[in-house]
Amino acid sequence: MGLLRFVLNVIWLVTAGIWLFLSYVLAGIVACLLVVTIPFGLASFRIAGYVLWPFGREVVEVRRGGVMGGVMSGVGNVVWFLIAGLWLAIGHIITAFAQAVTIIGLPMAWANLKLIPVTCFPFGKEIVDSSDDRSRFVPVTR
């Protein structure tokens, strides 16, 4: 299974990973220009690492303590979606269509579509290794 993940990640890197990675890095740099939007930049950098090498990792929901943690994540997700999430998700959709043209690209296209929920709403989510126990209990499927 490790070799298959490696091969899929290499194909992913060549066909989409590097371009999507650069998109997230650019969004992160722009977000870090203002002190108030640094959390958005950090979220973008976190997703950039995931987009670069996605196979073998999962996105799980994280429950932050207290009401404010959930409220702040919700507000952050709305702001993120309007400013960057929608545009990055469109990039994933376009890339998925391009990858789905070939049979070997179908797993890459599916991976692209699976990235859209964390692309649109990154706050309150964490990226973990597939072998991590947390990936077995609360997968993000929205």
C-alpha atoms as a PDB file:
ATOM      1  CA  MET A   1       0.000   0.000   0.000  1.00  0.00           C
ATOM      2  CA  GLY A   2       2.906   2.357   0.673  1.00  0.00           C
ATOM      3  CA  LEU A   3       4.278   1.983  -2.855  1.00  0.00           C
ATOM      4  CA  LEU A   4       0.847   2.646  -4.377  1.00  0.00           C
ATOM      5  CA  ARG A   5       0.474   5.836  -2.313  1.00  0.00           C
ATOM      6  CA  PHE A   6       3.932   6.951  -3.381  1.00  0.00           C
ATOM      7  CA  VAL A   7       3.186   6.363  -7.080  1.00  0.00           C
ATOM      8  CA  LEU A   8      -0.177   8.135  -6.819  1.00  0.00           C
ATOM      9  CA  ASN A   9       1.460  11.072  -5.030  1.00  0.00           C
ATOM     10  CA  VAL A  10       4.152  11.379  -7.707  1.00  0.00           C
ATOM     11  CA  ILE A  11       1.552  11.328 -10.494  1.00  0.00           C
ATOM     12  CA  TRP A  12      -0.499  13.831  -8.502  1.00  0.00           C
ATOM     13  CA  LEU A  13       2.500  16.108  -8.033  1.00  0.00           C
ATOM     14  CA  VAL A  14       3.182  16.210 -11.767  1.00  0.00           C
ATOM     15  CA  THR A  15      -0.416  16.569 -12.950  1.00  0.00           C
ATOM     16  CA  ALA A  16      -1.853  18.953 -10.358  1.00  0.00           C
ATOM     17  CA  GLY A  17      -0.042  19.076  -7.052  1.00  0.00           C
ATOM     18  CA  ILE A  18       2.615  21.644  -7.834  1.00  0.00           C
ATOM     19  CA  TRP A  19       0.143  24.118  -9.410  1.00  0.00           C
ATOM     20  CA  LEU A  20      -2.411  23.776  -6.640  1.00  0.00           C
ATOM     21  CA  PHE A  21       0.377  24.024  -4.056  1.00  0.00           C
ATOM     22  CA  LEU A  22       1.548  27.296  -5.599  1.00  0.00           C
ATOM     23  CA  SER A  23      -2.041  28.612  -5.571  1.00  0.00           C
ATOM     24  CA  TYR A  24      -2.353  27.928  -1.854  1.00  0.00           C
ATOM     25  CA  VAL A  25       1.053  29.428  -1.115  1.00  0.00           C
ATOM     26  CA  LEU A  26       0.093  32.577  -3.038  1.00  0.00           C
ATOM     27  CA  ALA A  27      -3.209  32.811  -1.136  1.00  0.00           C
ATOM     28  CA  GLY A  28      -1.291  32.327   2.137  1.00  0.00           C
ATOM     29  CA  ILE A  29       1.222  35.053   1.325  1.00  0.00           C
ATOM     30  CA  VAL A  30      -1.550  37.495   0.424  1.00  0.00           C
ATOM     31  CA  ALA A  31      -3.422  36.623   3.623  1.00  0.00           C
ATOM     32  CA  CYS A  32      -0.317  37.168   5.748  1.00  0.00           C
ATOM     33  CA  LEU A  33       0.064  40.753   4.521  1.00  0.00           C
ATOM     34  CA  LEU A  34      -2.268  41.949   7.289  1.00  0.00           C
ATOM     35  CA  VAL A  35      -1.902  40.907  10.910  1.00  0.00           C
ATOM     36  CA  VAL A  36      -5.640  40.249  11.220  1.00  0.00           C
ATOM     37  CA  THR A  37      -5.629  37.740   8.366  1.00  0.00           C
ATOM     38  CA  ILE A  38      -2.569  35.743   9.448  1.00  0.00           C
ATOM     39  CA  PRO A  39      -4.764  32.806  10.627  1.00  0.00           C
ATOM     40  CA  PHE A  40      -6.086  32.586   7.063  1.00  0.00           C
ATOM     41  CA  GLY A  41      -2.542  32.519   5.725  1.00  0.00           C
ATOM     42  CA  LEU A  42      -1.578  29.764   8.137  1.00  0.00           C
ATOM     43  CA  ALA A  43      -4.635  27.737   7.104  1.00  0.00           C
ATOM     44  CA  SER A  44      -3.647  28.188   3.472  1.00  0.00           C
ATOM     45  CA  PHE A  45      -0.083  27.016   4.130  1.00  0.00           C
ATOM     46  CA  ARG A  46      -1.430  23.993   6.033  1.00  0.00           C
ATOM     47  CA  ILE A  47      -3.653  23.030   3.105  1.00  0.00           C
ATOM     48  CA  ALA A  48      -0.769  23.671   0.667  1.00  0.00           C
ATOM     49  CA  GLY A  49       1.218  20.892   2.325  1.00  0.00           C
ATOM     50  CA  TYR A  50      -1.749  18.562   2.043  1.00  0.00           C
ATOM     51  CA  VAL A  51      -2.392  19.453  -1.603  1.00  0.00           C
ATOM     52  CA  LEU A  52       1.232  18.795  -2.477  1.00  0.00           C
ATOM     53  CA  TRP A  53       1.148  15.159  -1.224  1.00  0.00           C
ATOM     54  CA  PRO A  54      -2.470  14.102  -0.449  1.00  0.00           C
ATOM     55  CA  PHE A  55      -2.519  10.317  -0.737  1.00  0.00           C
ATOM     56  CA  GLY A  56      -2.076   8.632   2.619  1.00  0.00           C
ATOM     57  CA  ARG A  57      -3.538  11.550   4.569  1.00  0.00           C
ATOM     58  CA  GLU A  58      -7.065  12.424   5.653  1.00  0.00           C
ATOM     59  CA  VAL A  59      -8.959  15.476   6.856  1.00  0.00           C
ATOM     60  CA  VAL A  60     -10.761  15.150  10.190  1.00  0.00           C
ATOM     61  CA  GLU A  61     -12.928  17.543  12.121  1.00  0.00           C
ATOM     62  CA  VAL A  62     -11.496  18.940  15.325  1.00  0.00           C
ATOM     63  CA  ARG A  63     -13.771  20.013  18.134  1.00  0.00           C
ATOM     64  CA  ARG A  64     -12.343  23.064  19.839  1.00  0.00           C
ATOM     65  CA  GLY A  65     -13.297  23.632  23.461  1.00  0.00           C
ATOM     66  CA  GLY A  66     -15.982  26.166  24.294  1.00  0.00           C
ATOM     67  CA  VAL A  67     -18.514  28.052  22.278  1.00  0.00           C
ATOM     68  CA  MET A  68     -16.050  30.681  21.060  1.00  0.00           C
ATOM     69  CA  GLY A  69     -13.877  28.092  19.327  1.00  0.00           C
ATOM     70  CA  GLY A  70     -16.821  26.926  17.225  1.00  0.00           C
ATOM     71  CA  VAL A  71     -18.090  30.441  16.568  1.00  0.00           C
ATOM     72  CA  MET A  72     -14.681  31.732  15.545  1.00  0.00           C
ATOM     73  CA  SER A  73     -14.139  28.734  13.248  1.00  0.00           C
ATOM     74  CA  GLY A  74     -17.542  29.354  11.673  1.00  0.00           C
ATOM     75  CA  VAL A  75     -16.895  33.048  11.101  1.00  0.00           C
ATOM     76  CA  GLY A  76     -13.407  32.294   9.791  1.00  0.00           C
ATOM     77  CA  ASN A  77     -14.818  29.695   7.389  1.00  0.00           C
ATOM     78  CA  VAL A  78     -17.380  32.151   5.981  1.00  0.00           C
ATOM     79  CA  VAL A  79     -14.756  34.851   5.446  1.00  0.00           C
ATOM     80  CA  TRP A  80     -12.295  32.323   3.979  1.00  0.00           C
ATOM     81  CA  PHE A  81     -14.915  30.929   1.593  1.00  0.00           C
ATOM     82  CA  LEU A  82     -15.824  34.358   0.241  1.00  0.00           C
ATOM     83  CA  ILE A  83     -12.252  35.563  -0.207  1.00  0.00           C
ATOM     84  CA  ALA A  84     -10.240  32.478  -1.195  1.00  0.00           C
ATOM     85  CA  GLY A  85     -12.098  29.201  -0.745  1.00  0.00           C
ATOM     86  CA  LEU A  86     -14.482  29.583  -3.651  1.00  0.00           C
ATOM     87  CA  TRP A  87     -11.675  30.447  -6.092  1.00  0.00           C
ATOM     88  CA  LEU A  88      -9.430  27.631  -4.908  1.00  0.00           C
ATOM     89  CA  ALA A  89     -12.357  25.179  -5.148  1.00  0.00           C
ATOM     90  CA  ILE A  90     -12.935  26.275  -8.742  1.00  0.00           C
ATOM     91  CA  GLY A  91      -9.263  25.495  -9.392  1.00  0.00           C
ATOM     92  CA  HIS A  92      -9.798  21.995  -7.982  1.00  0.00           C
ATOM     93  CA  ILE A  93     -12.852  21.448 -10.186  1.00  0.00           C
ATOM     94  CA  ILE A  94     -11.054  22.591 -13.341  1.00  0.00           C
ATOM     95  CA  THR A  95      -8.060  20.401 -12.518  1.00  0.00           C
ATOM     96  CA  ALA A  96     -10.332  17.420 -11.773  1.00  0.00           C
ATOM     97  CA  PHE A  97     -11.991  17.734 -15.177  1.00  0.00           C
ATOM     98  CA  ALA A  98      -8.612  17.843 -16.885  1.00  0.00           C
ATOM     99  CA  GLN A  99      -7.415  14.782 -14.965  1.00  0.00           C
ATOM    100  CA  ALA A 100     -10.609  12.799 -15.573  1.00  0.00           C
ATOM    101  CA  VAL A 101      -9.956  12.757 -19.325  1.00  0.00           C
ATOM    102  CA  THR A 102      -7.705   9.710 -18.925  1.00  0.00           C
ATOM    103  CA  ILE A 103      -8.365   6.515 -17.009  1.00  0.00           C
ATOM    104  CA  ILE A 104      -5.148   6.856 -15.011  1.00  0.00           C
ATOM    105  CA  GLY A 105      -6.226  10.379 -14.058  1.00  0.00           C
ATOM    106  CA  LEU A 106      -9.527   9.285 -12.504  1.00  0.00           C
ATOM    107  CA  PRO A 107      -8.059   8.674  -9.009  1.00  0.00           C
ATOM    108  CA  MET A 108      -6.391  12.091  -9.210  1.00  0.00           C
ATOM    109  CA  ALA A 109      -9.682  13.720 -10.229  1.00  0.00           C
ATOM    110  CA  TRP A 110     -11.442  12.037  -7.308  1.00  0.00           C
ATOM    111  CA  ALA A 111      -8.706  13.250  -4.934  1.00  0.00           C
ATOM    112  CA  ASN A 112      -9.179  16.769  -6.290  1.00  0.00           C
ATOM    113  CA  LEU A 113     -12.883  16.643  -5.544  1.00  0.00           C
ATOM    114  CA  LYS A 114     -12.223  15.261  -2.053  1.00  0.00           C
ATOM    115  CA  LEU A 115     -10.070  18.325  -1.322  1.00  0.00           C
ATOM    116  CA  ILE A 116     -12.912  20.773  -1.915  1.00  0.00           C
ATOM    117  CA  PRO A 117     -14.488  20.603   1.589  1.00  0.00           C
ATOM    118  CA  VAL A 118     -11.230  21.521   3.331  1.00  0.00           C
ATOM    119  CA  THR A 119     -10.528  24.079   0.619  1.00  0.00           C
ATOM    120  CA  CYS A 120     -13.829  25.833   1.242  1.00  0.00           C
ATOM    121  CA  PHE A 121     -13.959  25.513   5.026  1.00  0.00           C
ATOM    122  CA  PRO A 122     -10.491  24.890   6.552  1.00  0.00           C
ATOM    123  CA  PHE A 123     -11.086  26.037  10.119  1.00  0.00           C
ATOM    124  CA  GLY A 124     -12.054  23.308  12.570  1.00  0.00           C
ATOM    125  CA  LYS A 125     -10.310  20.665  10.496  1.00  0.00           C
ATOM    126  CA  GLU A 126      -6.981  18.938  10.826  1.00  0.00           C
ATOM    127  CA  ILE A 127      -4.917  16.953   8.350  1.00  0.00           C
ATOM    128  CA  VAL A 128      -3.708  13.633   9.745  1.00  0.00           C
ATOM    129  CA  ASP A 129      -1.899  10.584   8.441  1.00  0.00           C
ATOM    130  CA  SER A 130      -4.266   7.841   7.288  1.00  0.00           C
ATOM    131  CA  SER A 131      -2.726   5.511   9.836  1.00  0.00           C
ATOM    132  CA  ASP A 132      -3.623   7.959  12.641  1.00  0.00           C
ATOM    133  CA  ASP A 133      -6.452   6.706  14.857  1.00  0.00           C
ATOM    134  CA  ARG A 134      -8.357   9.983  14.411  1.00  0.00           C
ATOM    135  CA  SER A 135      -8.743   9.327  10.671  1.00  0.00           C
ATOM    136  CA  ARG A 136     -10.825   6.219  11.433  1.00  0.00           C
ATOM    137  CA  PHE A 137     -13.418   7.900  13.634  1.00  0.00           C
ATOM    138  CA  VAL A 138     -14.414  11.296  12.187  1.00  0.00           C
ATOM    139  CA  PRO A 139     -13.805  11.583   8.448  1.00  0.00           C
ATOM    140  CA  VAL A 140     -14.961  14.787   6.797  1.00  0.00           C
ATOM    141  CA  THR A 141     -17.366  13.881   4.027  1.00  0.00           C
ATOM    142  CA  ARG A 142     -19.253  17.134   3.494  1.00  0.00           C
END
